[in-house]
Amino acid sequence: MLWRMSASLPSAVTLCPSPCVRLCTLDEADVCVGCGRTLADITAWSKMPDADKAACVARARERLQAMGRPLPPYPTSPTLPRR
């Protein structure tokens, strides 16, 4: 039996992969020192539209730079801003 992909894919399909780098440690401000996202960003990630995810990753990069942390190799996506 052949299966065809339906035009009505679940909304969980996304162009923006999670920026998690598996260094999940929150600082005193609830910011992950691995990816730079806040706890609120992390918990909301799966329900964010792709545009919000791209903005979230941009803010996370800025947080990591302000903390003096190295930027991780975030997963690439056509919707994520490049710097």
N, C-alpha and C. Protein backbone atom coordinates (compact mmCIF):
# COMPACT_ATOMS: atom_id res chain seq x y z
N MET A 1 0.84 -1.18 0.00
CA MET A 1 0.00 0.00 0.00
C MET A 1 0.89 1.25 0.00
N LEU A 2 0.57 2.19 -0.84
CA LEU A 2 1.31 3.45 -0.90
C LEU A 2 0.60 4.51 -0.07
N TRP A 3 1.39 5.29 0.61
CA TRP A 3 0.84 6.39 1.41
C TRP A 3 1.21 7.70 0.73
N ARG A 4 0.28 8.59 0.69
CA ARG A 4 0.53 9.91 0.13
C ARG A 4 0.49 10.94 1.24
N MET A 5 1.34 11.94 1.11
CA MET A 5 1.31 13.02 2.08
C MET A 5 0.08 13.86 1.82
N SER A 6 -0.64 14.12 2.85
CA SER A 6 -1.86 14.92 2.74
C SER A 6 -1.51 16.40 2.65
N ALA A 7 -2.34 17.15 1.98
CA ALA A 7 -2.15 18.60 1.93
C ALA A 7 -2.42 19.23 3.29
N SER A 8 -3.11 18.51 4.16
CA SER A 8 -3.41 19.05 5.48
C SER A 8 -2.47 18.46 6.51
N LEU A 9 -1.21 18.88 6.46
CA LEU A 9 -0.22 18.43 7.41
C LEU A 9 -0.50 19.03 8.79
N PRO A 10 -0.13 18.32 9.84
CA PRO A 10 -0.35 18.88 11.17
C PRO A 10 0.40 20.19 11.35
N SER A 11 -0.12 21.06 12.19
CA SER A 11 0.51 22.35 12.39
C SER A 11 1.84 22.24 13.10
N ALA A 12 2.18 21.07 13.64
CA ALA A 12 3.46 20.88 14.32
C ALA A 12 4.63 20.88 13.34
N VAL A 13 4.35 20.71 12.04
CA VAL A 13 5.41 20.76 11.05
C VAL A 13 5.89 22.20 10.95
N THR A 14 7.18 22.39 11.11
CA THR A 14 7.72 23.75 11.17
C THR A 14 9.00 23.87 10.38
N LEU A 15 9.31 25.06 9.95
CA LEU A 15 10.56 25.32 9.25
C LEU A 15 11.68 25.68 10.21
N CYS A 16 11.35 26.01 11.44
CA CYS A 16 12.35 26.44 12.42
C CYS A 16 12.61 25.34 13.44
N PRO A 17 13.73 24.65 13.32
CA PRO A 17 14.05 23.64 14.32
C PRO A 17 14.40 24.28 15.66
N SER A 18 14.28 23.54 16.72
CA SER A 18 14.60 24.07 18.04
C SER A 18 16.08 24.44 18.11
N PRO A 19 16.39 25.57 18.74
CA PRO A 19 17.80 25.98 18.88
C PRO A 19 18.49 25.30 20.06
N CYS A 20 17.82 24.37 20.71
CA CYS A 20 18.40 23.69 21.86
C CYS A 20 19.71 23.01 21.48
N VAL A 21 20.74 23.19 22.31
CA VAL A 21 22.04 22.57 22.07
C VAL A 21 22.38 21.56 23.16
N ARG A 22 21.37 21.16 23.93
CA ARG A 22 21.49 20.14 24.98
C ARG A 22 22.47 20.54 26.08
N LEU A 23 22.55 21.83 26.36
CA LEU A 23 23.31 22.35 27.49
C LEU A 23 22.31 23.12 28.34
N CYS A 24 21.29 22.42 28.79
CA CYS A 24 20.13 23.03 29.43
C CYS A 24 20.40 23.37 30.89
N THR A 25 20.84 24.60 31.12
CA THR A 25 21.07 25.11 32.46
C THR A 25 20.57 26.54 32.50
N LEU A 26 19.67 26.82 33.43
CA LEU A 26 19.13 28.18 33.55
C LEU A 26 19.95 28.97 34.55
N ASP A 27 20.19 30.24 34.23
CA ASP A 27 20.87 31.12 35.18
C ASP A 27 19.84 31.71 36.13
N GLU A 28 20.27 32.65 36.96
CA GLU A 28 19.37 33.24 37.97
C GLU A 28 18.23 34.04 37.34
N ALA A 29 18.36 34.43 36.08
CA ALA A 29 17.31 35.17 35.38
C ALA A 29 16.43 34.24 34.53
N ASP A 30 16.56 32.92 34.72
CA ASP A 30 15.83 31.93 33.95
C ASP A 30 16.13 31.99 32.46
N VAL A 31 17.41 32.21 32.14
CA VAL A 31 17.88 32.19 30.75
C VAL A 31 18.80 30.98 30.61
N CYS A 32 18.58 30.18 29.57
CA CYS A 32 19.41 29.01 29.33
C CYS A 32 20.79 29.45 28.88
N VAL A 33 21.83 28.96 29.55
CA VAL A 33 23.20 29.34 29.18
C VAL A 33 23.68 28.59 27.95
N GLY A 34 22.91 27.60 27.49
CA GLY A 34 23.28 26.87 26.28
C GLY A 34 22.76 27.51 25.02
N CYS A 35 21.45 27.84 25.00
CA CYS A 35 20.85 28.38 23.77
C CYS A 35 20.47 29.86 23.89
N GLY A 36 20.38 30.38 25.10
CA GLY A 36 20.06 31.80 25.28
C GLY A 36 18.58 32.12 25.37
N ARG A 37 17.73 31.10 25.28
CA ARG A 37 16.29 31.37 25.39
C ARG A 37 15.89 31.48 26.86
N THR A 38 14.82 32.22 27.11
CA THR A 38 14.27 32.29 28.46
C THR A 38 13.44 31.05 28.72
N LEU A 39 13.12 30.82 29.98
CA LEU A 39 12.26 29.69 30.32
C LEU A 39 10.91 29.83 29.62
N ALA A 40 10.39 31.05 29.55
CA ALA A 40 9.12 31.29 28.86
C ALA A 40 9.24 30.94 27.37
N ASP A 41 10.37 31.32 26.75
CA ASP A 41 10.59 30.99 25.33
C ASP A 41 10.62 29.48 25.13
N ILE A 42 11.31 28.78 26.01
CA ILE A 42 11.47 27.34 25.88
C ILE A 42 10.11 26.64 25.99
N THR A 43 9.32 27.05 26.97
CA THR A 43 8.03 26.38 27.16
C THR A 43 7.03 26.73 26.07
N ALA A 44 7.16 27.90 25.46
CA ALA A 44 6.22 28.31 24.41
C ALA A 44 6.65 27.88 23.01
N TRP A 45 7.88 27.40 22.86
CA TRP A 45 8.47 27.13 21.56
C TRP A 45 7.57 26.32 20.63
N SER A 46 7.02 25.23 21.10
CA SER A 46 6.28 24.34 20.22
C SER A 46 4.99 24.95 19.68
N LYS A 47 4.51 26.01 20.30
CA LYS A 47 3.27 26.65 19.84
C LYS A 47 3.53 27.97 19.10
N MET A 48 4.79 28.38 19.00
CA MET A 48 5.12 29.65 18.32
C MET A 48 5.05 29.49 16.81
N PRO A 49 4.53 30.51 16.11
CA PRO A 49 4.65 30.52 14.65
C PRO A 49 6.13 30.69 14.27
N ASP A 50 6.48 30.29 13.06
CA ASP A 50 7.87 30.36 12.62
C ASP A 50 8.48 31.75 12.73
N ALA A 51 7.72 32.78 12.44
CA ALA A 51 8.25 34.15 12.53
C ALA A 51 8.63 34.48 13.98
N ASP A 52 7.82 34.04 14.93
CA ASP A 52 8.14 34.27 16.34
C ASP A 52 9.35 33.46 16.77
N LYS A 53 9.49 32.25 16.22
CA LYS A 53 10.66 31.43 16.53
C LYS A 53 11.94 32.10 16.04
N ALA A 54 11.89 32.64 14.84
CA ALA A 54 13.06 33.33 14.29
C ALA A 54 13.43 34.53 15.16
N ALA A 55 12.44 35.28 15.61
CA ALA A 55 12.70 36.43 16.49
C ALA A 55 13.24 35.96 17.83
N CYS A 56 12.72 34.85 18.33
CA CYS A 56 13.18 34.28 19.60
C CYS A 56 14.66 33.91 19.51
N VAL A 57 15.06 33.28 18.42
CA VAL A 57 16.46 32.89 18.25
C VAL A 57 17.35 34.13 18.15
N ALA A 58 16.88 35.16 17.48
CA ALA A 58 17.66 36.41 17.39
C ALA A 58 17.87 37.01 18.78
N ARG A 59 16.81 37.03 19.58
CA ARG A 59 16.94 37.55 20.96
C ARG A 59 17.87 36.66 21.78
N ALA A 60 17.78 35.36 21.58
CA ALA A 60 18.64 34.43 22.32
C ALA A 60 20.11 34.67 22.00
N ARG A 61 20.42 34.91 20.74
CA ARG A 61 21.80 35.22 20.34
C ARG A 61 22.29 36.47 21.05
N GLU A 62 21.45 37.49 21.09
CA GLU A 62 21.83 38.74 21.76
C GLU A 62 22.08 38.51 23.25
N ARG A 63 21.23 37.69 23.88
CA ARG A 63 21.43 37.38 25.31
C ARG A 63 22.75 36.69 25.55
N LEU A 64 23.05 35.69 24.71
CA LEU A 64 24.31 34.95 24.89
C LEU A 64 25.51 35.87 24.71
N GLN A 65 25.45 36.75 23.73
CA GLN A 65 26.55 37.69 23.51
C GLN A 65 26.70 38.62 24.71
N ALA A 66 25.59 39.10 25.27
CA ALA A 66 25.64 39.98 26.43
C ALA A 66 26.20 39.25 27.66
N MET A 67 25.96 37.94 27.73
CA MET A 67 26.46 37.12 28.83
C MET A 67 27.93 36.72 28.63
N GLY A 68 28.47 37.01 27.45
CA GLY A 68 29.83 36.60 27.14
C GLY A 68 29.96 35.12 26.83
N ARG A 69 28.84 34.49 26.48
CA ARG A 69 28.83 33.07 26.17
C ARG A 69 29.07 32.88 24.67
N PRO A 70 29.68 31.76 24.29
CA PRO A 70 29.86 31.50 22.86
C PRO A 70 28.52 31.21 22.20
N LEU A 71 28.41 31.58 20.94
CA LEU A 71 27.19 31.28 20.19
C LEU A 71 27.25 29.83 19.74
N PRO A 72 26.21 29.07 20.04
CA PRO A 72 26.21 27.67 19.61
C PRO A 72 25.91 27.58 18.11
N PRO A 73 26.21 26.45 17.55
CA PRO A 73 25.85 26.24 16.13
C PRO A 73 24.36 25.93 16.04
N TYR A 74 23.54 26.97 15.98
CA TYR A 74 22.10 26.78 15.89
C TYR A 74 21.75 26.02 14.63
N PRO A 75 20.68 25.22 14.69
CA PRO A 75 20.23 24.57 13.44
C PRO A 75 19.90 25.63 12.41
N THR A 76 20.18 25.35 11.16
CA THR A 76 19.91 26.32 10.12
C THR A 76 18.49 26.18 9.61
N SER A 77 17.94 27.29 9.19
CA SER A 77 16.59 27.32 8.64
C SER A 77 16.51 28.50 7.70
N PRO A 78 15.75 28.39 6.65
CA PRO A 78 15.62 29.52 5.73
C PRO A 78 14.97 30.74 6.36
N THR A 79 14.26 30.57 7.48
CA THR A 79 13.57 31.71 8.10
C THR A 79 14.37 32.35 9.22
N LEU A 80 15.48 31.75 9.63
CA LEU A 80 16.26 32.31 10.72
C LEU A 80 17.19 33.40 10.21
N PRO A 81 17.29 34.50 10.93
CA PRO A 81 18.20 35.56 10.48
C PRO A 81 19.65 35.13 10.62
N ARG A 82 20.46 35.49 9.67
CA ARG A 82 21.88 35.17 9.70
C ARG A 82 22.66 36.40 10.14
N ARG A 83 23.72 36.17 10.91
CA ARG A 83 24.58 37.27 11.35
C ARG A 83 26.01 36.96 11.04
